[in-house]
Every structure is written in C-alpha cells, then in structure tokens.
C-alpha cells in the first residue's frame, strides 16, 4: 500500500505543477495534454485500488485525490472548475 500512496503523492505533485503552468500560460495546455490524460488514468486506477484494499487510508486521501483530479481536468480542458489550491492562486486572498 505504501507504493500506491507514493504514486498518488507523485501524481498529485505533478498535477499541481502542470495546473500552475497552464494557469500562467494557457498556450501550454496542448503540450501537457497527453501527460495529463495518462496521469488521470493512472490516478483513477490507484484511487480504485486504494478504496478496495484500504478504505481507511482512502478516506484519508480523498481530498488529495480530488484536488489532483481537478488539477488534471484543468490541464486537459478549461472547464471553469478549479481545485481549491489553483483557485487560491487565481484569486489571492
């Protein structure tokens, strides 16, 4: 299970990095699209695996997985929906 968590952490970090890049430069969306699609598929599989094999740890990681999912969606297309962390960057407090 530690390997699954590590993979989720890595995807989460990369998703946030990619979303920040697209926020700063929307023209890079097409360049990042293939990686975002691949990471999204991997994250979906890891999410399902964690939910099935360790529901308690899955519950602990729900927000992280949700944020990464939204960041990857933002990289893939401009839906107007943002993760909490990207929204903070869009509208500084």
C-alpha atoms as a PDB file:
ATOM      1  CA  UNK A   1       0.000   0.000   0.000  1.00  0.00           C
ATOM      2  CA  UNK A   2       2.955   2.320   0.606  1.00  0.00           C
ATOM      3  CA  UNK A   3       3.805   2.127  -3.100  1.00  0.00           C
ATOM      4  CA  UNK A   4       0.248   3.136  -4.038  1.00  0.00           C
ATOM      5  CA  UNK A   5       0.381   6.117  -1.669  1.00  0.00           C
ATOM      6  CA  UNK A   6       3.748   7.129  -3.094  1.00  0.00           C
ATOM      7  CA  UNK A   7       2.378   7.021  -6.628  1.00  0.00           C
ATOM      8  CA  UNK A   8      -0.632   9.109  -5.594  1.00  0.00           C
ATOM      9  CA  UNK A   9       1.699  11.648  -3.975  1.00  0.00           C
ATOM     10  CA  UNK A  10       3.830  11.836  -7.124  1.00  0.00           C
ATOM     11  CA  UNK A  11       0.818  12.295  -9.406  1.00  0.00           C
ATOM     12  CA  UNK A  12      -0.632  14.904  -7.049  1.00  0.00           C
ATOM     13  CA  UNK A  13       2.586  16.932  -7.120  1.00  0.00           C
ATOM     14  CA  UNK A  14       2.898  16.726 -10.884  1.00  0.00           C
ATOM     15  CA  UNK A  15      -0.791  17.568 -11.398  1.00  0.00           C
ATOM     16  CA  UNK A  16      -0.443  20.728  -9.323  1.00  0.00           C
ATOM     17  CA  UNK A  17       2.747  21.706 -11.149  1.00  0.00           C
ATOM     18  CA  UNK A  18       1.081  21.224 -14.523  1.00  0.00           C
ATOM     19  CA  UNK A  19      -2.032  23.160 -13.483  1.00  0.00           C
ATOM     20  CA  UNK A  20       0.112  26.086 -12.302  1.00  0.00           C
ATOM     21  CA  UNK A  21       1.894  26.029 -15.658  1.00  0.00           C
ATOM     22  CA  UNK A  22      -1.392  26.175 -17.582  1.00  0.00           C
ATOM     23  CA  UNK A  23      -2.698  28.898 -15.262  1.00  0.00           C
ATOM     24  CA  UNK A  24       0.352  31.038 -16.075  1.00  0.00           C
ATOM     25  CA  UNK A  25       0.467  30.094 -19.765  1.00  0.00           C
ATOM     26  CA  UNK A  26      -2.752  28.582 -21.198  1.00  0.00           C
ATOM     27  CA  UNK A  27      -0.975  28.087 -24.510  1.00  0.00           C
ATOM     28  CA  UNK A  28       0.916  25.156 -22.979  1.00  0.00           C
ATOM     29  CA  UNK A  29      -2.287  23.154 -22.439  1.00  0.00           C
ATOM     30  CA  UNK A  30      -1.887  21.227 -25.720  1.00  0.00           C
ATOM     31  CA  UNK A  31       1.711  20.332 -24.863  1.00  0.00           C
ATOM     32  CA  UNK A  32       0.720  18.932 -21.457  1.00  0.00           C
ATOM     33  CA  UNK A  33      -2.477  17.211 -22.595  1.00  0.00           C
ATOM     34  CA  UNK A  34      -1.054  13.715 -23.287  1.00  0.00           C
ATOM     35  CA  UNK A  35       0.688  13.554 -19.907  1.00  0.00           C
ATOM     36  CA  UNK A  36      -2.402  14.858 -18.108  1.00  0.00           C
ATOM     37  CA  UNK A  37      -4.557  12.178 -19.725  1.00  0.00           C
ATOM     38  CA  UNK A  38      -2.087   9.458 -18.788  1.00  0.00           C
ATOM     39  CA  UNK A  39      -1.804  10.669 -15.194  1.00  0.00           C
ATOM     40  CA  UNK A  40      -5.571  10.956 -14.897  1.00  0.00           C
ATOM     41  CA  UNK A  41      -5.991   7.332 -15.965  1.00  0.00           C
ATOM     42  CA  UNK A  42      -3.286   6.208 -13.530  1.00  0.00           C
ATOM     43  CA  UNK A  43      -4.825   8.194 -10.691  1.00  0.00           C
ATOM     44  CA  UNK A  44      -8.260   6.679 -11.361  1.00  0.00           C
ATOM     45  CA  UNK A  45      -6.774   3.200 -11.110  1.00  0.00           C
ATOM     46  CA  UNK A  46      -4.846   3.993  -7.942  1.00  0.00           C
ATOM     47  CA  UNK A  47      -7.939   5.556  -6.400  1.00  0.00           C
ATOM     48  CA  UNK A  48      -9.976   2.420  -7.103  1.00  0.00           C
ATOM     49  CA  UNK A  49      -7.205   0.186  -5.782  1.00  0.00           C
ATOM     50  CA  UNK A  50      -6.805   2.160  -2.558  1.00  0.00           C
ATOM     51  CA  UNK A  51     -10.581   2.243  -1.977  1.00  0.00           C
ATOM     52  CA  UNK A  52     -10.770  -1.504  -2.413  1.00  0.00           C
ATOM     53  CA  UNK A  53      -7.647  -2.523  -0.470  1.00  0.00           C
ATOM     54  CA  UNK A  54      -7.523   0.039   2.337  1.00  0.00           C
ATOM     55  CA  UNK A  55     -10.759   2.032   2.747  1.00  0.00           C
ATOM     56  CA  UNK A  56      -9.499   3.897   5.831  1.00  0.00           C
ATOM     57  CA  UNK A  57      -6.403   5.219   4.042  1.00  0.00           C
ATOM     58  CA  UNK A  58      -8.562   6.009   1.029  1.00  0.00           C
ATOM     59  CA  UNK A  59     -10.774   8.168   3.234  1.00  0.00           C
ATOM     60  CA  UNK A  60      -7.650   9.988   4.471  1.00  0.00           C
ATOM     61  CA  UNK A  61      -6.568  10.670   0.879  1.00  0.00           C
ATOM     62  CA  UNK A  62      -9.917  11.705  -0.618  1.00  0.00           C
ATOM     63  CA  UNK A  63      -9.184  15.450  -0.632  1.00  0.00           C
ATOM     64  CA  UNK A  64      -5.725  14.935  -2.137  1.00  0.00           C
ATOM     65  CA  UNK A  65      -7.090  12.683  -4.879  1.00  0.00           C
ATOM     66  CA  UNK A  66      -9.911  15.128  -5.576  1.00  0.00           C
ATOM     67  CA  UNK A  67      -7.510  18.072  -5.869  1.00  0.00           C
ATOM     68  CA  UNK A  68      -5.223  16.155  -8.222  1.00  0.00           C
ATOM     69  CA  UNK A  69      -8.202  15.051 -10.318  1.00  0.00           C
ATOM     70  CA  UNK A  70      -9.426  18.637 -10.658  1.00  0.00           C
ATOM     71  CA  UNK A  71      -5.926  19.893 -11.491  1.00  0.00           C
ATOM     72  CA  UNK A  72      -5.576  17.288 -14.240  1.00  0.00           C
ATOM     73  CA  UNK A  73      -9.019  18.176 -15.576  1.00  0.00           C
ATOM     74  CA  UNK A  74      -7.994  21.841 -15.700  1.00  0.00           C
ATOM     75  CA  UNK A  75      -4.856  20.919 -17.640  1.00  0.00           C
ATOM     76  CA  UNK A  76      -6.902  18.848 -20.086  1.00  0.00           C
ATOM     77  CA  UNK A  77      -9.607  21.464 -20.699  1.00  0.00           C
ATOM     78  CA  UNK A  78     -10.778  24.842 -19.448  1.00  0.00           C
ATOM     79  CA  UNK A  79     -13.987  23.834 -17.710  1.00  0.00           C
ATOM     80  CA  UNK A  80     -14.146  26.773 -15.333  1.00  0.00           C
ATOM     81  CA  UNK A  81     -13.820  24.305 -12.445  1.00  0.00           C
ATOM     82  CA  UNK A  82     -10.663  24.525 -10.362  1.00  0.00           C
ATOM     83  CA  UNK A  83      -9.107  22.730  -7.435  1.00  0.00           C
ATOM     84  CA  UNK A  84      -9.086  24.681  -4.197  1.00  0.00           C
ATOM     85  CA  UNK A  85      -5.345  25.238  -4.460  1.00  0.00           C
ATOM     86  CA  UNK A  86      -5.469  26.528  -8.043  1.00  0.00           C
ATOM     87  CA  UNK A  87      -8.416  28.741  -7.171  1.00  0.00           C
ATOM     88  CA  UNK A  88      -6.299  30.303  -4.405  1.00  0.00           C
ATOM     89  CA  UNK A  89      -3.652  31.153  -6.988  1.00  0.00           C
ATOM     90  CA  UNK A  90      -6.271  32.652  -9.282  1.00  0.00           C
ATOM     91  CA  UNK A  91      -7.749  34.850  -6.569  1.00  0.00           C
ATOM     92  CA  UNK A  92      -5.199  35.776  -3.956  1.00  0.00           C
ATOM     93  CA  UNK A  93      -6.661  36.437  -0.524  1.00  0.00           C
END
